[in-house]
Amino acid sequence: IPWRADTAEVLLRMGRPGPARKLIDEQLAR
């Protein structure tokens, strides 16, 4: 389940790019 990527997508749509970027970096590292 790539939940980090999808959570980041929701956060981006909600106008929260900071927390979204953190999750994307974690997803890429994993």
PDB file of all heavy atoms in Angstrom:
ATOM      1  N   ILE A   1       0.863  -1.191   0.000  1.00  0.00           N
ATOM      2  CA  ILE A   1       0.000   0.000   0.000  1.00  0.00           C
ATOM      3  C   ILE A   1       0.901   1.243   0.000  1.00  0.00           C
ATOM      4  O   ILE A   1       1.550   1.530   1.015  1.00  0.00           O
ATOM      5  CB  ILE A   1      -0.908   0.049   1.258  1.00  0.00           C
ATOM      6  CG1 ILE A   1      -1.763  -1.211   1.380  1.00  0.00           C
ATOM      7  CG2 ILE A   1      -1.774   1.309   1.235  1.00  0.00           C
ATOM      8  CD1 ILE A   1      -2.907  -1.312   0.418  1.00  0.00           C
ATOM      9  N   PRO A   2       0.967   2.006  -1.100  1.00  0.00           N
ATOM     10  CA  PRO A   2       1.807   3.217  -1.121  1.00  0.00           C
ATOM     11  C   PRO A   2       1.081   4.402  -0.484  1.00  0.00           C
ATOM     12  O   PRO A   2       0.868   5.440  -1.113  1.00  0.00           O
ATOM     13  CB  PRO A   2       2.045   3.433  -2.619  1.00  0.00           C
ATOM     14  CG  PRO A   2       0.821   2.884  -3.277  1.00  0.00           C
ATOM     15  CD  PRO A   2       0.335   1.748  -2.405  1.00  0.00           C
ATOM     16  N   TRP A   3       0.712   4.252   0.786  1.00  0.00           N
ATOM     17  CA  TRP A   3      -0.165   5.233   1.438  1.00  0.00           C
ATOM     18  C   TRP A   3       0.473   6.617   1.560  1.00  0.00           C
ATOM     19  O   TRP A   3      -0.233   7.627   1.585  1.00  0.00           O
ATOM     20  CB  TRP A   3      -0.587   4.712   2.824  1.00  0.00           C
ATOM     21  CG  TRP A   3       0.538   4.566   3.793  1.00  0.00           C
ATOM     22  CD1 TRP A   3       1.329   3.459   3.970  1.00  0.00           C
ATOM     23  CD2 TRP A   3       1.018   5.555   4.705  1.00  0.00           C
ATOM     24  NE1 TRP A   3       2.274   3.699   4.932  1.00  0.00           N
ATOM     25  CE2 TRP A   3       2.105   4.979   5.411  1.00  0.00           C
ATOM     26  CE3 TRP A   3       0.640   6.867   5.006  1.00  0.00           C
ATOM     27  CZ2 TRP A   3       2.815   5.660   6.380  1.00  0.00           C
ATOM     28  CZ3 TRP A   3       1.354   7.561   5.968  1.00  0.00           C
ATOM     29  CH2 TRP A   3       2.427   6.966   6.654  1.00  0.00           C
ATOM     30  N   ARG A   4       1.794   6.683   1.638  1.00  0.00           N
ATOM     31  CA  ARG A   4       2.438   7.996   1.771  1.00  0.00           C
ATOM     32  C   ARG A   4       2.196   8.861   0.540  1.00  0.00           C
ATOM     33  O   ARG A   4       1.901  10.053   0.653  1.00  0.00           O
ATOM     34  CB  ARG A   4       3.948   7.816   2.001  1.00  0.00           C
ATOM     35  CG  ARG A   4       4.318   7.331   3.381  1.00  0.00           C
ATOM     36  CD  ARG A   4       5.826   7.160   3.515  1.00  0.00           C
ATOM     37  NE  ARG A   4       6.176   6.709   4.850  1.00  0.00           N
ATOM     38  CZ  ARG A   4       6.095   5.432   5.248  1.00  0.00           C
ATOM     39  NH1 ARG A   4       5.669   4.507   4.395  1.00  0.00           N
ATOM     40  NH2 ARG A   4       6.408   5.091   6.483  1.00  0.00           N
ATOM     41  N   ALA A   5       2.332   8.252  -0.636  1.00  0.00           N
ATOM     42  CA  ALA A   5       2.128   9.013  -1.870  1.00  0.00           C
ATOM     43  C   ALA A   5       0.700   9.544  -1.947  1.00  0.00           C
ATOM     44  O   ALA A   5       0.470  10.705  -2.317  1.00  0.00           O
ATOM     45  CB  ALA A   5       2.434   8.131  -3.080  1.00  0.00           C
ATOM     46  N   ASP A   6      -0.261   8.712  -1.578  1.00  0.00           N
ATOM     47  CA  ASP A   6      -1.663   9.126  -1.685  1.00  0.00           C
ATOM     48  C   ASP A   6      -2.022  10.160  -0.624  1.00  0.00           C
ATOM     49  O   ASP A   6      -2.787  11.093  -0.887  1.00  0.00           O
ATOM     50  CB  ASP A   6      -2.564   7.896  -1.577  1.00  0.00           C
ATOM     51  CG  ASP A   6      -2.341   6.961  -2.740  1.00  0.00           C
ATOM     52  OD1 ASP A   6      -2.964   7.175  -3.790  1.00  0.00           O
ATOM     53  OD2 ASP A   6      -1.517   6.041  -2.620  1.00  0.00           O
ATOM     54  N   THR A   7      -1.469  10.003   0.578  1.00  0.00           N
ATOM     55  CA  THR A   7      -1.686  11.009   1.625  1.00  0.00           C
ATOM     56  C   THR A   7      -1.116  12.348   1.175  1.00  0.00           C
ATOM     57  O   THR A   7      -1.731  13.405   1.358  1.00  0.00           O
ATOM     58  CB  THR A   7      -1.024  10.565   2.946  1.00  0.00           C
ATOM     59  OG1 THR A   7      -1.472   9.253   3.286  1.00  0.00           O
ATOM     60  CG2 THR A   7      -1.376  11.518   4.081  1.00  0.00           C
ATOM     61  N   ALA A   8       0.070  12.288   0.557  1.00  0.00           N
ATOM     62  CA  ALA A   8       0.693  13.521   0.052  1.00  0.00           C
ATOM     63  C   ALA A   8      -0.181  14.182  -1.006  1.00  0.00           C
ATOM     64  O   ALA A   8      -0.315  15.412  -1.040  1.00  0.00           O
ATOM     65  CB  ALA A   8       2.071  13.197  -0.526  1.00  0.00           C
ATOM     66  N   GLU A   9      -0.794  13.367  -1.876  1.00  0.00           N
ATOM     67  CA  GLU A   9      -1.659  13.925  -2.922  1.00  0.00           C
ATOM     68  C   GLU A   9      -2.857  14.655  -2.307  1.00  0.00           C
ATOM     69  O   GLU A   9      -3.242  15.742  -2.752  1.00  0.00           O
ATOM     70  CB  GLU A   9      -2.134  12.814  -3.860  1.00  0.00           C
ATOM     71  CG  GLU A   9      -2.855  13.334  -5.078  1.00  0.00           C
ATOM     72  CD  GLU A   9      -3.029  12.287  -6.161  1.00  0.00           C
ATOM     73  OE1 GLU A   9      -2.475  11.185  -6.034  1.00  0.00           O
ATOM     74  OE2 GLU A   9      -3.736  12.586  -7.137  1.00  0.00           O
ATOM     75  N   VAL A  10      -3.443  14.050  -1.254  1.00  0.00           N
ATOM     76  CA  VAL A  10      -4.568  14.710  -0.569  1.00  0.00           C
ATOM     77  C   VAL A  10      -4.104  16.021   0.053  1.00  0.00           C
ATOM     78  O   VAL A  10      -4.762  17.066  -0.082  1.00  0.00           O
ATOM     79  CB  VAL A  10      -5.166  13.792   0.522  1.00  0.00           C
ATOM     80  CG1 VAL A  10      -6.269  14.519   1.276  1.00  0.00           C
ATOM     81  CG2 VAL A  10      -5.719  12.517  -0.087  1.00  0.00           C
ATOM     82  N   LEU A  11      -2.953  16.001   0.737  1.00  0.00           N
ATOM     83  CA  LEU A  11      -2.442  17.208   1.401  1.00  0.00           C
ATOM     84  C   LEU A  11      -2.160  18.320   0.390  1.00  0.00           C
ATOM     85  O   LEU A  11      -2.420  19.503   0.655  1.00  0.00           O
ATOM     86  CB  LEU A  11      -1.176  16.869   2.195  1.00  0.00           C
ATOM     87  CG  LEU A  11      -1.391  15.979   3.434  1.00  0.00           C
ATOM     88  CD1 LEU A  11      -0.062  15.515   3.999  1.00  0.00           C
ATOM     89  CD2 LEU A  11      -2.203  16.708   4.503  1.00  0.00           C
ATOM     90  N   LEU A  12      -1.640  17.952  -0.772  1.00  0.00           N
ATOM     91  CA  LEU A  12      -1.404  18.945  -1.823  1.00  0.00           C
ATOM     92  C   LEU A  12      -2.708  19.600  -2.251  1.00  0.00           C
ATOM     93  O   LEU A  12      -2.787  20.819  -2.407  1.00  0.00           O
ATOM     94  CB  LEU A  12      -0.755  18.272  -3.044  1.00  0.00           C
ATOM     95  CG  LEU A  12       0.762  18.159  -3.061  1.00  0.00           C
ATOM     96  CD1 LEU A  12       1.215  17.355  -4.271  1.00  0.00           C
ATOM     97  CD2 LEU A  12       1.396  19.548  -3.091  1.00  0.00           C
ATOM     98  N   ARG A  13      -3.741  18.754  -2.429  1.00  0.00           N
ATOM     99  CA  ARG A  13      -5.052  19.278  -2.837  1.00  0.00           C
ATOM    100  C   ARG A  13      -5.659  20.166  -1.741  1.00  0.00           C
ATOM    101  O   ARG A  13      -6.466  21.040  -2.008  1.00  0.00           O
ATOM    102  CB  ARG A  13      -6.012  18.115  -3.144  1.00  0.00           C
ATOM    103  CG  ARG A  13      -5.626  17.270  -4.347  1.00  0.00           C
ATOM    104  CD  ARG A  13      -6.289  17.746  -5.628  1.00  0.00           C
ATOM    105  NE  ARG A  13      -7.735  17.572  -5.565  1.00  0.00           N
ATOM    106  CZ  ARG A  13      -8.381  16.452  -5.885  1.00  0.00           C
ATOM    107  NH1 ARG A  13      -7.686  15.376  -6.282  1.00  0.00           N
ATOM    108  NH2 ARG A  13      -9.696  16.380  -5.823  1.00  0.00           N
ATOM    109  N   MET A  14      -5.254  19.925  -0.491  1.00  0.00           N
ATOM    110  CA  MET A  14      -5.765  20.723   0.634  1.00  0.00           C
ATOM    111  C   MET A  14      -4.916  21.966   0.879  1.00  0.00           C
ATOM    112  O   MET A  14      -5.119  22.691   1.853  1.00  0.00           O
ATOM    113  CB  MET A  14      -5.811  19.861   1.913  1.00  0.00           C
ATOM    114  CG  MET A  14      -6.786  18.702   1.832  1.00  0.00           C
ATOM    115  SD  MET A  14      -6.646  17.593   3.270  1.00  0.00           S
ATOM    116  CE  MET A  14      -7.988  18.180   4.298  1.00  0.00           C
ATOM    117  N   GLY A  15      -3.909  22.175   0.011  1.00  0.00           N
ATOM    118  CA  GLY A  15      -3.066  23.358   0.147  1.00  0.00           C
ATOM    119  C   GLY A  15      -2.029  23.256   1.239  1.00  0.00           C
ATOM    120  O   GLY A  15      -1.640  24.260   1.848  1.00  0.00           O
ATOM    121  N   ARG A  16      -1.520  22.025   1.487  1.00  0.00           N
ATOM    122  CA  ARG A  16      -0.510  21.821   2.536  1.00  0.00           C
ATOM    123  C   ARG A  16       0.744  21.174   1.925  1.00  0.00           C
ATOM    124  O   ARG A  16       1.044  20.003   2.164  1.00  0.00           O
ATOM    125  CB  ARG A  16      -1.094  20.948   3.656  1.00  0.00           C
ATOM    126  CG  ARG A  16      -2.286  21.618   4.359  1.00  0.00           C
ATOM    127  CD  ARG A  16      -3.060  20.625   5.210  1.00  0.00           C
ATOM    128  NE  ARG A  16      -2.243  20.038   6.264  1.00  0.00           N
ATOM    129  CZ  ARG A  16      -2.648  19.016   7.026  1.00  0.00           C
ATOM    130  NH1 ARG A  16      -3.876  18.502   6.852  1.00  0.00           N
ATOM    131  NH2 ARG A  16      -1.866  18.520   7.962  1.00  0.00           N
ATOM    132  N   PRO A  17       1.487  21.918   1.098  1.00  0.00           N
ATOM    133  CA  PRO A  17       2.626  21.332   0.380  1.00  0.00           C
ATOM    134  C   PRO A  17       3.777  20.893   1.287  1.00  0.00           C
ATOM    135  O   PRO A  17       4.509  19.956   0.951  1.00  0.00           O
ATOM    136  CB  PRO A  17       3.071  22.449  -0.568  1.00  0.00           C
ATOM    137  CG  PRO A  17       2.570  23.710   0.058  1.00  0.00           C
ATOM    138  CD  PRO A  17       1.306  23.341   0.773  1.00  0.00           C
ATOM    139  N   GLY A  18       3.955  21.552   2.443  1.00  0.00           N
ATOM    140  CA  GLY A  18       5.064  21.205   3.342  1.00  0.00           C
ATOM    141  C   GLY A  18       4.996  19.765   3.833  1.00  0.00           C
ATOM    142  O   GLY A  18       5.919  18.965   3.588  1.00  0.00           O
ATOM    143  N   PRO A  19       3.897  19.391   4.547  1.00  0.00           N
ATOM    144  CA  PRO A  19       3.770  17.995   4.995  1.00  0.00           C
ATOM    145  C   PRO A  19       3.734  17.018   3.817  1.00  0.00           C
ATOM    146  O   PRO A  19       4.235  15.893   3.933  1.00  0.00           O
ATOM    147  CB  PRO A  19       2.437  17.976   5.747  1.00  0.00           C
ATOM    148  CG  PRO A  19       2.087  19.396   6.031  1.00  0.00           C
ATOM    149  CD  PRO A  19       2.792  20.233   5.022  1.00  0.00           C
ATOM    150  N   ALA A  20       3.173  17.454   2.684  1.00  0.00           N
ATOM    151  CA  ALA A  20       3.113  16.577   1.508  1.00  0.00           C
ATOM    152  C   ALA A  20       4.521  16.255   1.028  1.00  0.00           C
ATOM    153  O   ALA A  20       4.849  15.095   0.735  1.00  0.00           O
ATOM    154  CB  ALA A  20       2.315  17.249   0.388  1.00  0.00           C
ATOM    155  N   ARG A  21       5.376  17.268   0.962  1.00  0.00           N
ATOM    156  CA  ARG A  21       6.760  17.069   0.478  1.00  0.00           C
ATOM    157  C   ARG A  21       7.525  16.099   1.379  1.00  0.00           C
ATOM    158  O   ARG A  21       8.292  15.244   0.907  1.00  0.00           O
ATOM    159  CB  ARG A  21       7.464  18.431   0.413  1.00  0.00           C
ATOM    160  CG  ARG A  21       8.916  18.376  -0.050  1.00  0.00           C
ATOM    161  CD  ARG A  21       9.035  17.796  -1.461  1.00  0.00           C
ATOM    162  NE  ARG A  21      10.414  17.702  -1.865  1.00  0.00           N
ATOM    163  CZ  ARG A  21      11.015  18.592  -2.661  1.00  0.00           C
ATOM    164  NH1 ARG A  21      10.340  19.641  -3.131  1.00  0.00           N
ATOM    165  NH2 ARG A  21      12.271  18.430  -3.000  1.00  0.00           N
ATOM    166  N   LYS A  22       7.292  16.197   2.679  1.00  0.00           N
ATOM    167  CA  LYS A  22       7.967  15.298   3.629  1.00  0.00           C
ATOM    168  C   LYS A  22       7.590  13.833   3.355  1.00  0.00           C
ATOM    169  O   LYS A  22       8.438  12.941   3.337  1.00  0.00           O
ATOM    170  CB  LYS A  22       7.576  15.695   5.054  1.00  0.00           C
ATOM    171  CG  LYS A  22       8.316  14.908   6.121  1.00  0.00           C
ATOM    172  CD  LYS A  22       7.895  15.323   7.517  1.00  0.00           C
ATOM    173  CE  LYS A  22       8.603  14.416   8.522  1.00  0.00           C
ATOM    174  NZ  LYS A  22       7.874  14.186   9.723  1.00  0.00           N
ATOM    175  N   LEU A  23       6.285  13.606   3.139  1.00  0.00           N
ATOM    176  CA  LEU A  23       5.814  12.232   2.857  1.00  0.00           C
ATOM    177  C   LEU A  23       6.351  11.723   1.524  1.00  0.00           C
ATOM    178  O   LEU A  23       6.695  10.546   1.393  1.00  0.00           O
ATOM    179  CB  LEU A  23       4.283  12.204   2.845  1.00  0.00           C
ATOM    180  CG  LEU A  23       3.606  12.259   4.214  1.00  0.00           C
ATOM    181  CD1 LEU A  23       2.119  12.555   4.056  1.00  0.00           C
ATOM    182  CD2 LEU A  23       3.804  10.944   4.965  1.00  0.00           C
ATOM    183  N   ILE A  24       6.442  12.611   0.526  1.00  0.00           N
ATOM    184  CA  ILE A  24       6.969  12.203  -0.786  1.00  0.00           C
ATOM    185  C   ILE A  24       8.430  11.792  -0.659  1.00  0.00           C
ATOM    186  O   ILE A  24       8.851  10.764  -1.215  1.00  0.00           O
ATOM    187  CB  ILE A  24       6.807  13.352  -1.811  1.00  0.00           C
ATOM    188  CG1 ILE A  24       5.326  13.631  -2.074  1.00  0.00           C
ATOM    189  CG2 ILE A  24       7.504  12.998  -3.121  1.00  0.00           C
ATOM    190  CD1 ILE A  24       5.052  14.971  -2.719  1.00  0.00           C
ATOM    191  N   ASP A  25       9.200  12.570   0.075  1.00  0.00           N
ATOM    192  CA  ASP A  25      10.621  12.230   0.280  1.00  0.00           C
ATOM    193  C   ASP A  25      10.749  10.878   0.983  1.00  0.00           C
ATOM    194  O   ASP A  25      11.611  10.054   0.632  1.00  0.00           O
ATOM    195  CB  ASP A  25      11.319  13.318   1.107  1.00  0.00           C
ATOM    196  CG  ASP A  25      11.488  14.617   0.319  1.00  0.00           C
ATOM    197  OD1 ASP A  25      11.399  14.564  -0.924  1.00  0.00           O
ATOM    198  OD2 ASP A  25      11.693  15.678   0.946  1.00  0.00           O
ATOM    199  N   GLU A  26       9.889  10.638   1.986  1.00  0.00           N
ATOM    200  CA  GLU A  26       9.904   9.341   2.689  1.00  0.00           C
ATOM    201  C   GLU A  26       9.558   8.212   1.729  1.00  0.00           C
ATOM    202  O   GLU A  26      10.177   7.142   1.755  1.00  0.00           O
ATOM    203  CB  GLU A  26       8.893   9.356   3.846  1.00  0.00           C
ATOM    204  CG  GLU A  26       9.344  10.123   5.068  1.00  0.00           C
ATOM    205  CD  GLU A  26       8.263  10.144   6.154  1.00  0.00           C
ATOM    206  OE1 GLU A  26       7.338   9.316   6.090  1.00  0.00           O
ATOM    207  OE2 GLU A  26       8.349  11.006   7.053  1.00  0.00           O
ATOM    208  N   GLN A  27       8.555   8.449   0.859  1.00  0.00           N
ATOM    209  CA  GLN A  27       8.131   7.406  -0.078  1.00  0.00           C
ATOM    210  C   GLN A  27       9.261   7.075  -1.050  1.00  0.00           C
ATOM    211  O   GLN A  27       9.545   5.908  -1.324  1.00  0.00           O
ATOM    212  CB  GLN A  27       6.895   7.866  -0.852  1.00  0.00           C
ATOM    213  CG  GLN A  27       6.256   6.778  -1.711  1.00  0.00           C
ATOM    214  CD  GLN A  27       5.490   5.766  -0.897  1.00  0.00           C
ATOM    215  OE1 GLN A  27       4.311   5.893  -0.701  1.00  0.00           O
ATOM    216  NE2 GLN A  27       6.178   4.741  -0.421  1.00  0.00           N
ATOM    217  N   LEU A  28       9.928   8.113  -1.572  1.00  0.00           N
ATOM    218  CA  LEU A  28      11.039   7.887  -2.501  1.00  0.00           C
ATOM    219  C   LEU A  28      12.184   7.137  -1.826  1.00  0.00           C
ATOM    220  O   LEU A  28      12.808   6.266  -2.435  1.00  0.00           O
ATOM    221  CB  LEU A  28      11.535   9.227  -3.046  1.00  0.00           C
ATOM    222  CG  LEU A  28      10.650   9.867  -4.123  1.00  0.00           C
ATOM    223  CD1 LEU A  28      11.046  11.311  -4.352  1.00  0.00           C
ATOM    224  CD2 LEU A  28      10.729   9.071  -5.420  1.00  0.00           C
ATOM    225  N   ALA A  29      12.452   7.465  -0.563  1.00  0.00           N
ATOM    226  CA  ALA A  29      13.528   6.788   0.169  1.00  0.00           C
ATOM    227  C   ALA A  29      13.214   5.316   0.381  1.00  0.00           C
ATOM    228  O   ALA A  29      14.117   4.478   0.437  1.00  0.00           O
ATOM    229  CB  ALA A  29      13.752   7.477   1.517  1.00  0.00           C
ATOM    230  N   ARG A  30      11.933   5.000   0.475  1.00  0.00           N
ATOM    231  CA  ARG A  30      11.526   3.620   0.770  1.00  0.00           C
ATOM    232  C   ARG A  30      11.403   2.748  -0.474  1.00  0.00           C
ATOM    233  O   ARG A  30      11.580   1.537  -0.389  1.00  0.00           O
ATOM    234  CB  ARG A  30      10.180   3.602   1.500  1.00  0.00           C
ATOM    235  CG  ARG A  30      10.301   3.934   2.970  1.00  0.00           C
ATOM    236  CD  ARG A  30       8.948   4.010   3.632  1.00  0.00           C
ATOM    237  NE  ARG A  30       9.092   4.085   5.075  1.00  0.00           N
ATOM    238  CZ  ARG A  30       9.133   3.033   5.887  1.00  0.00           C
ATOM    239  NH1 ARG A  30       9.031   1.821   5.399  1.00  0.00           N
ATOM    240  NH2 ARG A  30       9.274   3.192   7.177  1.00  0.00           N
TER     241      ARG A  30
END
